[in-house]
Amino acid sequence: MSSGDELRFSDVRRFGQFWLLRKGESDTYSGIDKLGLEPFDHGLTGVYLQHHFGKRKKMVKECLINQSVIAGIGNIYSDEIFRGNRKDSKNISSNLYTVM
């Protein structure tokens, strides 16, 4: 908005909610501060993924759809990632390694 205010909408498979945030007001309502990096963020590197997934004993797919690490990758996108790379989504994340 030209005033600097923001109107935000959230719909997590339930009735949606709107918040009007005044200029400079913190968003303590939507949970956006709990989201991880966007998929095309330059900070999303092998080192970042290794830091967040390296010691987990979960399947890689479970890790990828964790919105607190990478925002926006859901079930369909994660399936496409594995299909496109011909990898098994049931691999355990701690078995992954970084290729330099």
PDB file of N, CA and C in Angstrom:
ATOM      1  N   MET A   1       0.843  -1.166   0.000  1.00  0.00           N
ATOM      2  CA  MET A   1       0.000   0.000   0.000  1.00  0.00           C
ATOM      3  C   MET A   1       0.894   1.236   0.000  1.00  0.00           C
ATOM      4  N   SER A   2       0.427   2.294  -0.560  1.00  0.00           N
ATOM      5  CA  SER A   2       1.245   3.502  -0.656  1.00  0.00           C
ATOM      6  C   SER A   2       1.593   4.083   0.715  1.00  0.00           C
ATOM      7  N   SER A   3       0.781   3.786   1.723  1.00  0.00           N
ATOM      8  CA  SER A   3       1.033   4.294   3.070  1.00  0.00           C
ATOM      9  C   SER A   3       2.100   3.493   3.799  1.00  0.00           C
ATOM     10  N   GLY A   4       2.496   2.351   3.209  1.00  0.00           N
ATOM     11  CA  GLY A   4       3.448   1.484   3.880  1.00  0.00           C
ATOM     12  C   GLY A   4       2.774   0.377   4.667  1.00  0.00           C
ATOM     13  N   ASP A   5       1.449   0.456   4.819  1.00  0.00           N
ATOM     14  CA  ASP A   5       0.709  -0.600   5.491  1.00  0.00           C
ATOM     15  C   ASP A   5       0.713  -1.842   4.604  1.00  0.00           C
ATOM     16  N   GLU A   6       0.498  -3.013   5.196  1.00  0.00           N
ATOM     17  CA  GLU A   6       0.431  -4.258   4.455  1.00  0.00           C
ATOM     18  C   GLU A   6      -0.861  -4.973   4.805  1.00  0.00           C
ATOM     19  N   LEU A   7      -1.496  -5.544   3.804  1.00  0.00           N
ATOM     20  CA  LEU A   7      -2.667  -6.380   4.011  1.00  0.00           C
ATOM     21  C   LEU A   7      -2.234  -7.794   3.688  1.00  0.00           C
ATOM     22  N   ARG A   8      -2.324  -8.698   4.652  1.00  0.00           N
ATOM     23  CA  ARG A   8      -1.869 -10.071   4.460  1.00  0.00           C
ATOM     24  C   ARG A   8      -3.042 -11.024   4.600  1.00  0.00           C
ATOM     25  N   PHE A   9      -2.969 -12.109   3.830  1.00  0.00           N
ATOM     26  CA  PHE A   9      -4.008 -13.135   3.841  1.00  0.00           C
ATOM     27  C   PHE A   9      -3.349 -14.482   4.073  1.00  0.00           C
ATOM     28  N   SER A  10      -3.950 -15.289   4.919  1.00  0.00           N
ATOM     29  CA  SER A  10      -3.441 -16.627   5.192  1.00  0.00           C
ATOM     30  C   SER A  10      -4.587 -17.612   5.109  1.00  0.00           C
ATOM     31  N   ASP A  11      -4.381 -18.703   4.359  1.00  0.00           N
ATOM     32  CA  ASP A  11      -5.400 -19.742   4.253  1.00  0.00           C
ATOM     33  C   ASP A  11      -4.688 -21.084   4.265  1.00  0.00           C
ATOM     34  N   VAL A  12      -4.573 -21.692   5.423  1.00  0.00           N
ATOM     35  CA  VAL A  12      -3.894 -22.967   5.574  1.00  0.00           C
ATOM     36  C   VAL A  12      -4.949 -24.063   5.650  1.00  0.00           C
ATOM     37  N   ARG A  13      -5.612 -24.281   4.504  1.00  0.00           N
ATOM     38  CA  ARG A  13      -6.647 -25.311   4.369  1.00  0.00           C
ATOM     39  C   ARG A  13      -7.733 -25.202   5.428  1.00  0.00           C
ATOM     40  N   ARG A  14      -8.096 -23.993   5.709  1.00  0.00           N
ATOM     41  CA  ARG A  14      -9.217 -23.731   6.619  1.00  0.00           C
ATOM     42  C   ARG A  14      -9.753 -22.355   6.237  1.00  0.00           C
ATOM     43  N   PHE A  15     -10.600 -21.799   7.025  1.00  0.00           N
ATOM     44  CA  PHE A  15     -11.119 -20.468   6.731  1.00  0.00           C
ATOM     45  C   PHE A  15      -9.965 -19.467   6.759  1.00  0.00           C
ATOM     46  N   GLY A  16      -9.842 -18.696   5.716  1.00  0.00           N
ATOM     47  CA  GLY A  16      -8.760 -17.721   5.610  1.00  0.00           C
ATOM     48  C   GLY A  16      -8.914 -16.581   6.593  1.00  0.00           C
ATOM     49  N   GLN A  17      -7.819 -15.885   6.828  1.00  0.00           N
ATOM     50  CA  GLN A  17      -7.812 -14.751   7.736  1.00  0.00           C
ATOM     51  C   GLN A  17      -7.038 -13.605   7.098  1.00  0.00           C
ATOM     52  N   PHE A  18      -7.497 -12.393   7.344  1.00  0.00           N
ATOM     53  CA  PHE A  18      -6.810 -11.180   6.888  1.00  0.00           C
ATOM     54  C   PHE A  18      -6.250 -10.450   8.087  1.00  0.00           C
ATOM     55  N   TRP A  19      -5.102  -9.795   7.914  1.00  0.00           N
ATOM     56  CA  TRP A  19      -4.513  -8.931   8.922  1.00  0.00           C
ATOM     57  C   TRP A  19      -4.121  -7.637   8.248  1.00  0.00           C
ATOM     58  N   LEU A  20      -4.409  -6.536   8.897  1.00  0.00           N
ATOM     59  CA  LEU A  20      -3.937  -5.242   8.419  1.00  0.00           C
ATOM     60  C   LEU A  20      -2.813  -4.815   9.346  1.00  0.00           C
ATOM     61  N   LEU A  21      -1.623  -4.725   8.777  1.00  0.00           N
ATOM     62  CA  LEU A  21      -0.460  -4.326   9.555  1.00  0.00           C
ATOM     63  C   LEU A  21      -0.137  -2.881   9.238  1.00  0.00           C
ATOM     64  N   ARG A  22      -0.112  -2.079  10.237  1.00  0.00           N
ATOM     65  CA  ARG A  22       0.253  -0.677  10.069  1.00  0.00           C
ATOM     66  C   ARG A  22       1.741  -0.579   9.760  1.00  0.00           C
ATOM     67  N   LYS A  23       2.129   0.466   9.126  1.00  0.00           N
ATOM     68  CA  LYS A  23       3.524   0.679   8.759  1.00  0.00           C
ATOM     69  C   LYS A  23       4.409   0.523   9.994  1.00  0.00           C
ATOM     70  N   GLY A  24       5.383  -0.355   9.901  1.00  0.00           N
ATOM     71  CA  GLY A  24       6.305  -0.585  11.009  1.00  0.00           C
ATOM     72  C   GLY A  24       5.814  -1.584  12.042  1.00  0.00           C
ATOM     73  N   GLU A  25       4.563  -2.029  11.944  1.00  0.00           N
ATOM     74  CA  GLU A  25       4.018  -2.980  12.914  1.00  0.00           C
ATOM     75  C   GLU A  25       4.548  -4.382  12.629  1.00  0.00           C
ATOM     76  N   SER A  26       4.921  -5.109  13.667  1.00  0.00           N
ATOM     77  CA  SER A  26       5.411  -6.475  13.512  1.00  0.00           C
ATOM     78  C   SER A  26       4.260  -7.426  13.245  1.00  0.00           C
ATOM     79  N   ASP A  27       4.515  -8.429  12.408  1.00  0.00           N
ATOM     80  CA  ASP A  27       3.521  -9.456  12.108  1.00  0.00           C
ATOM     81  C   ASP A  27       3.666 -10.577  13.121  1.00  0.00           C
ATOM     82  N   THR A  28       2.819 -10.564  14.135  1.00  0.00           N
ATOM     83  CA  THR A  28       2.834 -11.622  15.141  1.00  0.00           C
ATOM     84  C   THR A  28       1.641 -12.554  14.963  1.00  0.00           C
ATOM     85  N   TYR A  29       0.962 -12.451  13.831  1.00  0.00           N
ATOM     86  CA  TYR A  29      -0.284 -13.168  13.621  1.00  0.00           C
ATOM     87  C   TYR A  29      -0.170 -14.343  12.644  1.00  0.00           C
ATOM     88  N   SER A  30       0.467 -14.125  11.514  1.00  0.00           N
ATOM     89  CA  SER A  30       0.387 -15.082  10.414  1.00  0.00           C
ATOM     90  C   SER A  30       1.350 -16.265  10.508  1.00  0.00           C
ATOM     91  N   GLY A  31       2.417 -16.134  11.260  1.00  0.00           N
ATOM     92  CA  GLY A  31       3.410 -17.195  11.342  1.00  0.00           C
ATOM     93  C   GLY A  31       4.450 -17.130  10.245  1.00  0.00           C
ATOM     94  N   ILE A  32       4.440 -16.058   9.459  1.00  0.00           N
ATOM     95  CA  ILE A  32       5.394 -15.930   8.354  1.00  0.00           C
ATOM     96  C   ILE A  32       6.835 -15.908   8.844  1.00  0.00           C
ATOM     97  N   ASP A  33       7.044 -15.481  10.076  1.00  0.00           N
ATOM     98  CA  ASP A  33       8.402 -15.433  10.629  1.00  0.00           C
ATOM     99  C   ASP A  33       8.954 -16.827  10.918  1.00  0.00           C
ATOM    100  N   LYS A  34       8.098 -17.860  10.871  1.00  0.00           N
ATOM    101  CA  LYS A  34       8.528 -19.230  11.126  1.00  0.00           C
ATOM    102  C   LYS A  34       8.891 -19.970   9.843  1.00  0.00           C
ATOM    103  N   LEU A  35       8.698 -19.326   8.686  1.00  0.00           N
ATOM    104  CA  LEU A  35       9.004 -19.975   7.414  1.00  0.00           C
ATOM    105  C   LEU A  35      10.494 -19.933   7.123  1.00  0.00           C
ATOM    106  N   GLY A  36      10.966 -20.952   6.442  1.00  0.00           N
ATOM    107  CA  GLY A  36      12.365 -21.018   6.043  1.00  0.00           C
ATOM    108  C   GLY A  36      12.616 -20.209   4.784  1.00  0.00           C
ATOM    109  N   LEU A  37      13.746 -20.455   4.176  1.00  0.00           N
ATOM    110  CA  LEU A  37      14.129 -19.755   2.960  1.00  0.00           C
ATOM    111  C   LEU A  37      13.226 -20.153   1.790  1.00  0.00           C
ATOM    112  N   GLU A  38      13.083 -19.246   0.833  1.00  0.00           N
ATOM    113  CA  GLU A  38      12.363 -19.546  -0.401  1.00  0.00           C
ATOM    114  C   GLU A  38      13.256 -20.445  -1.265  1.00  0.00           C
ATOM    115  N   PRO A  39      12.666 -21.290  -2.127  1.00  0.00           N
ATOM    116  CA  PRO A  39      13.471 -22.217  -2.936  1.00  0.00           C
ATOM    117  C   PRO A  39      14.545 -21.561  -3.802  1.00  0.00           C
ATOM    118  N   PHE A  40      14.350 -20.336  -4.249  1.00  0.00           N
ATOM    119  CA  PHE A  40      15.345 -19.692  -5.110  1.00  0.00           C
ATOM    120  C   PHE A  40      16.190 -18.654  -4.368  1.00  0.00           C
ATOM    121  N   ASP A  41      16.136 -18.659  -3.042  1.00  0.00           N
ATOM    122  CA  ASP A  41      16.945 -17.754  -2.226  1.00  0.00           C
ATOM    123  C   ASP A  41      18.421 -18.137  -2.376  1.00  0.00           C
ATOM    124  N   HIS A  42      19.293 -17.158  -2.529  1.00  0.00           N
ATOM    125  CA  HIS A  42      20.728 -17.423  -2.682  1.00  0.00           C
ATOM    126  C   HIS A  42      21.329 -18.063  -1.437  1.00  0.00           C
ATOM    127  N   GLY A  43      20.668 -17.930  -0.290  1.00  0.00           N
ATOM    128  CA  GLY A  43      21.155 -18.548   0.937  1.00  0.00           C
ATOM    129  C   GLY A  43      20.858 -20.029   1.031  1.00  0.00           C
ATOM    130  N   LEU A  44      20.041 -20.538   0.115  1.00  0.00           N
ATOM    131  CA  LEU A  44      19.694 -21.961   0.103  1.00  0.00           C
ATOM    132  C   LEU A  44      20.811 -22.723  -0.615  1.00  0.00           C
ATOM    133  N   THR A  45      21.780 -23.134   0.164  1.00  0.00           N
ATOM    134  CA  THR A  45      22.973 -23.797  -0.372  1.00  0.00           C
ATOM    135  C   THR A  45      23.080 -25.206   0.195  1.00  0.00           C
ATOM    136  N   GLY A  46      24.042 -25.952  -0.303  1.00  0.00           N
ATOM    137  CA  GLY A  46      24.300 -27.276   0.240  1.00  0.00           C
ATOM    138  C   GLY A  46      24.675 -27.223   1.704  1.00  0.00           C
ATOM    139  N   VAL A  47      25.422 -26.204   2.077  1.00  0.00           N
ATOM    140  CA  VAL A  47      25.823 -26.037   3.481  1.00  0.00           C
ATOM    141  C   VAL A  47      24.590 -25.795   4.355  1.00  0.00           C
ATOM    142  N   TYR A  48      23.661 -24.938   3.876  1.00  0.00           N
ATOM    143  CA  TYR A  48      22.414 -24.664   4.608  1.00  0.00           C
ATOM    144  C   TYR A  48      21.622 -25.953   4.794  1.00  0.00           C
ATOM    145  N   LEU A  49      21.473 -26.721   3.718  1.00  0.00           N
ATOM    146  CA  LEU A  49      20.706 -27.971   3.795  1.00  0.00           C
ATOM    147  C   LEU A  49      21.388 -28.981   4.703  1.00  0.00           C
ATOM    148  N   GLN A  50      22.690 -29.075   4.608  1.00  0.00           N
ATOM    149  CA  GLN A  50      23.419 -30.006   5.464  1.00  0.00           C
ATOM    150  C   GLN A  50      23.261 -29.614   6.934  1.00  0.00           C
ATOM    151  N   HIS A  51      23.293 -28.310   7.210  1.00  0.00           N
ATOM    152  CA  HIS A  51      23.110 -27.834   8.582  1.00  0.00           C
ATOM    153  C   HIS A  51      21.730 -28.229   9.124  1.00  0.00           C
ATOM    154  N   HIS A  52      20.696 -28.106   8.295  1.00  0.00           N
ATOM    155  CA  HIS A  52      19.329 -28.375   8.753  1.00  0.00           C
ATOM    156  C   HIS A  52      18.916 -29.840   8.648  1.00  0.00           C
ATOM    157  N   PHE A  53      19.500 -30.579   7.702  1.00  0.00           N
ATOM    158  CA  PHE A  53      19.066 -31.960   7.477  1.00  0.00           C
ATOM    159  C   PHE A  53      20.118 -32.999   7.828  1.00  0.00           C
ATOM    160  N   GLY A  54      21.361 -32.599   7.984  1.00  0.00           N
ATOM    161  CA  GLY A  54      22.483 -33.522   8.079  1.00  0.00           C
ATOM    162  C   GLY A  54      22.409 -34.574   9.161  1.00  0.00           C
ATOM    163  N   LYS A  55      21.814 -34.274  10.282  1.00  0.00           N
ATOM    164  CA  LYS A  55      21.776 -35.240  11.387  1.00  0.00           C
ATOM    165  C   LYS A  55      20.400 -35.861  11.580  1.00  0.00           C
ATOM    166  N   ARG A  56      19.461 -35.494  10.743  1.00  0.00           N
ATOM    167  CA  ARG A  56      18.098 -36.026  10.888  1.00  0.00           C
ATOM    168  C   ARG A  56      18.011 -37.447  10.352  1.00  0.00           C
ATOM    169  N   LYS A  57      17.181 -38.225  10.980  1.00  0.00           N
ATOM    170  CA  LYS A  57      16.968 -39.610  10.560  1.00  0.00           C
ATOM    171  C   LYS A  57      15.611 -39.743   9.862  1.00  0.00           C
ATOM    172  N   LYS A  58      15.208 -38.689   9.168  1.00  0.00           N
ATOM    173  CA  LYS A  58      13.938 -38.696   8.440  1.00  0.00           C
ATOM    174  C   LYS A  58      14.201 -38.879   6.960  1.00  0.00           C
ATOM    175  N   MET A  59      13.147 -39.281   6.241  1.00  0.00           N
ATOM    176  CA  MET A  59      13.270 -39.374   4.799  1.00  0.00           C
ATOM    177  C   MET A  59      13.473 -37.975   4.220  1.00  0.00           C
ATOM    178  N   VAL A  60      14.215 -37.897   3.131  1.00  0.00           N
ATOM    179  CA  VAL A  60      14.523 -36.611   2.509  1.00  0.00           C
ATOM    180  C   VAL A  60      13.235 -35.866   2.166  1.00  0.00           C
ATOM    181  N   LYS A  61      12.222 -36.571   1.681  1.00  0.00           N
ATOM    182  CA  LYS A  61      10.965 -35.915   1.318  1.00  0.00           C
ATOM    183  C   LYS A  61      10.353 -35.208   2.525  1.00  0.00           C
ATOM    184  N   GLU A  62      10.360 -35.856   3.676  1.00  0.00           N
ATOM    185  CA  GLU A  62       9.827 -35.230   4.892  1.00  0.00           C
ATOM    186  C   GLU A  62      10.571 -33.944   5.210  1.00  0.00           C
ATOM    187  N   CYS A  63      11.875 -33.958   5.016  1.00  0.00           N
ATOM    188  CA  CYS A  63      12.675 -32.769   5.288  1.00  0.00           C
ATOM    189  C   CYS A  63      12.355 -31.645   4.297  1.00  0.00           C
ATOM    190  N   LEU A  64      12.203 -31.997   3.027  1.00  0.00           N
ATOM    191  CA  LEU A  64      11.938 -30.982   2.013  1.00  0.00           C
ATOM    192  C   LEU A  64      10.611 -30.262   2.219  1.00  0.00           C
ATOM    193  N   ILE A  65       9.612 -30.967   2.730  1.00  0.00           N
ATOM    194  CA  ILE A  65       8.301 -30.323   2.897  1.00  0.00           C
ATOM    195  C   ILE A  65       8.162 -29.632   4.253  1.00  0.00           C
ATOM    196  N   ASN A  66       9.242 -29.625   5.038  1.00  0.00           N
ATOM    197  CA  ASN A  66       9.255 -28.911   6.313  1.00  0.00           C
ATOM    198  C   ASN A  66       9.354 -27.409   6.013  1.00  0.00           C
ATOM    199  N   GLN A  67       8.260 -26.697   6.206  1.00  0.00           N
ATOM    200  CA  GLN A  67       8.174 -25.284   5.835  1.00  0.00           C
ATOM    201  C   GLN A  67       9.082 -24.384   6.660  1.00  0.00           C
ATOM    202  N   SER A  68       9.562 -24.855   7.801  1.00  0.00           N
ATOM    203  CA  SER A  68      10.453 -24.021   8.617  1.00  0.00           C
ATOM    204  C   SER A  68      11.889 -24.019   8.073  1.00  0.00           C
ATOM    205  N   VAL A  69      12.187 -24.901   7.121  1.00  0.00           N
ATOM    206  CA  VAL A  69      13.514 -24.943   6.509  1.00  0.00           C
ATOM    207  C   VAL A  69      13.465 -24.369   5.099  1.00  0.00           C
ATOM    208  N   ILE A  70      12.537 -24.878   4.275  1.00  0.00           N
ATOM    209  CA  ILE A  70      12.345 -24.367   2.914  1.00  0.00           C
ATOM    210  C   ILE A  70      10.860 -24.074   2.755  1.00  0.00           C
ATOM    211  N   ALA A  71      10.531 -22.829   2.484  1.00  0.00           N
ATOM    212  CA  ALA A  71       9.128 -22.429   2.337  1.00  0.00           C
ATOM    213  C   ALA A  71       8.631 -22.733   0.930  1.00  0.00           C
ATOM    214  N   GLY A  72       7.437 -23.279   0.831  1.00  0.00           N
ATOM    215  CA  GLY A  72       6.768 -23.409  -0.458  1.00  0.00           C
ATOM    216  C   GLY A  72       6.913 -24.736  -1.157  1.00  0.00           C
ATOM    217  N   ILE A  73       7.735 -25.649  -0.643  1.00  0.00           N
ATOM    218  CA  ILE A  73       7.820 -26.968  -1.274  1.00  0.00           C
ATOM    219  C   ILE A  73       6.826 -27.882  -0.572  1.00  0.00           C
ATOM    220  N   GLY A  74       5.812 -28.252  -1.286  1.00  0.00           N
ATOM    221  CA  GLY A  74       4.796 -29.151  -0.753  1.00  0.00           C
ATOM    222  C   GLY A  74       4.949 -30.540  -1.345  1.00  0.00           C
ATOM    223  N   ASN A  75       3.948 -31.353  -1.171  1.00  0.00           N
ATOM    224  CA  ASN A  75       3.968 -32.739  -1.598  1.00  0.00           C
ATOM    225  C   ASN A  75       4.189 -32.875  -3.109  1.00  0.00           C
ATOM    226  N   ILE A  76       3.458 -32.114  -3.897  1.00  0.00           N
ATOM    227  CA  ILE A  76       3.562 -32.232  -5.355  1.00  0.00           C
ATOM    228  C   ILE A  76       4.946 -31.803  -5.838  1.00  0.00           C
ATOM    229  N   TYR A  77       5.433 -30.644  -5.366  1.00  0.00           N
ATOM    230  CA  TYR A  77       6.758 -30.180  -5.789  1.00  0.00           C
ATOM    231  C   TYR A  77       7.855 -31.143  -5.356  1.00  0.00           C
ATOM    232  N   SER A  78       7.753 -31.688  -4.155  1.00  0.00           N
ATOM    233  CA  SER A  78       8.790 -32.618  -3.711  1.00  0.00           C
ATOM    234  C   SER A  78       8.791 -33.878  -4.571  1.00  0.00           C
ATOM    235  N   ASP A  79       7.611 -34.362  -4.958  1.00  0.00           N
ATOM    236  CA  ASP A  79       7.543 -35.516  -5.864  1.00  0.00           C
ATOM    237  C   ASP A  79       8.214 -35.195  -7.195  1.00  0.00           C
ATOM    238  N   GLU A  80       7.990 -33.982  -7.712  1.00  0.00           N
ATOM    239  CA  GLU A  80       8.602 -33.582  -8.983  1.00  0.00           C
ATOM    240  C   GLU A  80      10.122 -33.478  -8.868  1.00  0.00           C
ATOM    241  N   ILE A  81      10.615 -33.022  -7.725  1.00  0.00           N
ATOM    242  CA  ILE A  81      12.060 -32.938  -7.504  1.00  0.00           C
ATOM    243  C   ILE A  81      12.682 -34.328  -7.623  1.00  0.00           C
ATOM    244  N   PHE A  82      12.064 -35.310  -6.989  1.00  0.00           N
ATOM    245  CA  PHE A  82      12.616 -36.662  -7.026  1.00  0.00           C
ATOM    246  C   PHE A  82      12.440 -37.313  -8.391  1.00  0.00           C
ATOM    247  N   ARG A  83      11.314 -37.084  -9.026  1.00  0.00           N
ATOM    248  CA  ARG A  83      11.078 -37.655 -10.346  1.00  0.00           C
ATOM    249  C   ARG A  83      12.081 -37.075 -11.346  1.00  0.00           C
ATOM    250  N   GLY A  84      12.293 -35.760 -11.298  1.00  0.00           N
ATOM    251  CA  GLY A  84      13.211 -35.099 -12.220  1.00  0.00           C
ATOM    252  C   GLY A  84      14.656 -35.503 -12.033  1.00  0.00           C
ATOM    253  N   ASN A  85      15.010 -35.874 -10.817  1.00  0.00           N
ATOM    254  CA  ASN A  85      16.398 -36.257 -10.517  1.00  0.00           C
ATOM    255  C   ASN A  85      16.596 -37.760 -10.402  1.00  0.00           C
ATOM    256  N   ARG A  86      15.513 -38.502 -10.621  1.00  0.00           N
ATOM    257  CA  ARG A  86      15.553 -39.975 -10.541  1.00  0.00           C
ATOM    258  C   ARG A  86      16.154 -40.453  -9.212  1.00  0.00           C
ATOM    259  N   LYS A  87      15.729 -39.832  -8.130  1.00  0.00           N
ATOM    260  CA  LYS A  87      16.208 -40.198  -6.797  1.00  0.00           C
ATOM    261  C   LYS A  87      15.053 -40.783  -5.994  1.00  0.00           C
ATOM    262  N   ASP A  88      15.385 -41.547  -4.980  1.00  0.00           N
ATOM    263  CA  ASP A  88      14.385 -42.165  -4.120  1.00  0.00           C
ATOM    264  C   ASP A  88      14.067 -41.231  -2.958  1.00  0.00           C
ATOM    265  N   SER A  89      12.809 -40.871  -2.823  1.00  0.00           N
ATOM    266  CA  SER A  89      12.391 -39.953  -1.757  1.00  0.00           C
ATOM    267  C   SER A  89      12.459 -40.590  -0.377  1.00  0.00           C
ATOM    268  N   LYS A  90      12.679 -41.894  -0.314  1.00  0.00           N
ATOM    269  CA  LYS A  90      12.730 -42.580   0.978  1.00  0.00           C
ATOM    270  C   LYS A  90      14.146 -42.624   1.564  1.00  0.00           C
ATOM    271  N   ASN A  91      15.126 -42.066   0.844  1.00  0.00           N
ATOM    272  CA  ASN A  91      16.480 -41.994   1.398  1.00  0.00           C
ATOM    273  C   ASN A  91      16.461 -41.194   2.696  1.00  0.00           C
ATOM    274  N   ILE A  92      17.315 -41.569   3.610  1.00  0.00           N
ATOM    275  CA  ILE A  92      17.414 -40.875   4.896  1.00  0.00           C
ATOM    276  C   ILE A  92      18.320 -39.653   4.722  1.00  0.00           C
ATOM    277  N   SER A  93      17.879 -38.509   5.237  1.00  0.00           N
ATOM    278  CA  SER A  93      18.597 -37.259   5.005  1.00  0.00           C
ATOM    279  C   SER A  93      20.015 -37.261   5.551  1.00  0.00           C
ATOM    280  N   SER A  94      20.270 -37.969   6.629  1.00  0.00           N
ATOM    281  CA  SER A  94      21.627 -37.986   7.199  1.00  0.00           C
ATOM    282  C   SER A  94      22.602 -38.755   6.303  1.00  0.00           C
ATOM    283  N   ASN A  95      22.085 -39.492   5.309  1.00  0.00           N
ATOM    284  CA  ASN A  95      22.952 -40.212   4.364  1.00  0.00           C
ATOM    285  C   ASN A  95      23.380 -39.345   3.196  1.00  0.00           C
ATOM    286  N   LEU A  96      22.865 -38.137   3.107  1.00  0.00           N
ATOM    287  CA  LEU A  96      23.242 -37.247   2.006  1.00  0.00           C
ATOM    288  C   LEU A  96      24.605 -36.632   2.290  1.00  0.00           C
ATOM    289  N   TYR A  97      25.281 -36.251   1.250  1.00  0.00           N
ATOM    290  CA  TYR A  97      26.574 -35.606   1.419  1.00  0.00           C
ATOM    291  C   TYR A  97      26.687 -34.450   0.440  1.00  0.00           C
ATOM    292  N   THR A  98      27.607 -33.542   0.706  1.00  0.00           N
ATOM    293  CA  THR A  98      27.815 -32.355  -0.111  1.00  0.00           C
ATOM    294  C   THR A  98      28.849 -32.651  -1.175  1.00  0.00           C
ATOM    295  N   VAL A  99      28.541 -32.286  -2.409  1.00  0.00           N
ATOM    296  CA  VAL A  99      29.484 -32.422  -3.507  1.00  0.00           C
ATOM    297  C   VAL A  99      30.027 -31.035  -3.807  1.00  0.00           C
ATOM    298  N   MET A 100      31.315 -30.865  -3.710  1.00  0.00           N
ATOM    299  CA  MET A 100      31.928 -29.563  -3.946  1.00  0.00           C
ATOM    300  C   MET A 100      32.384 -29.448  -5.387  1.00  0.00           C
TER     301      MET A 100
END
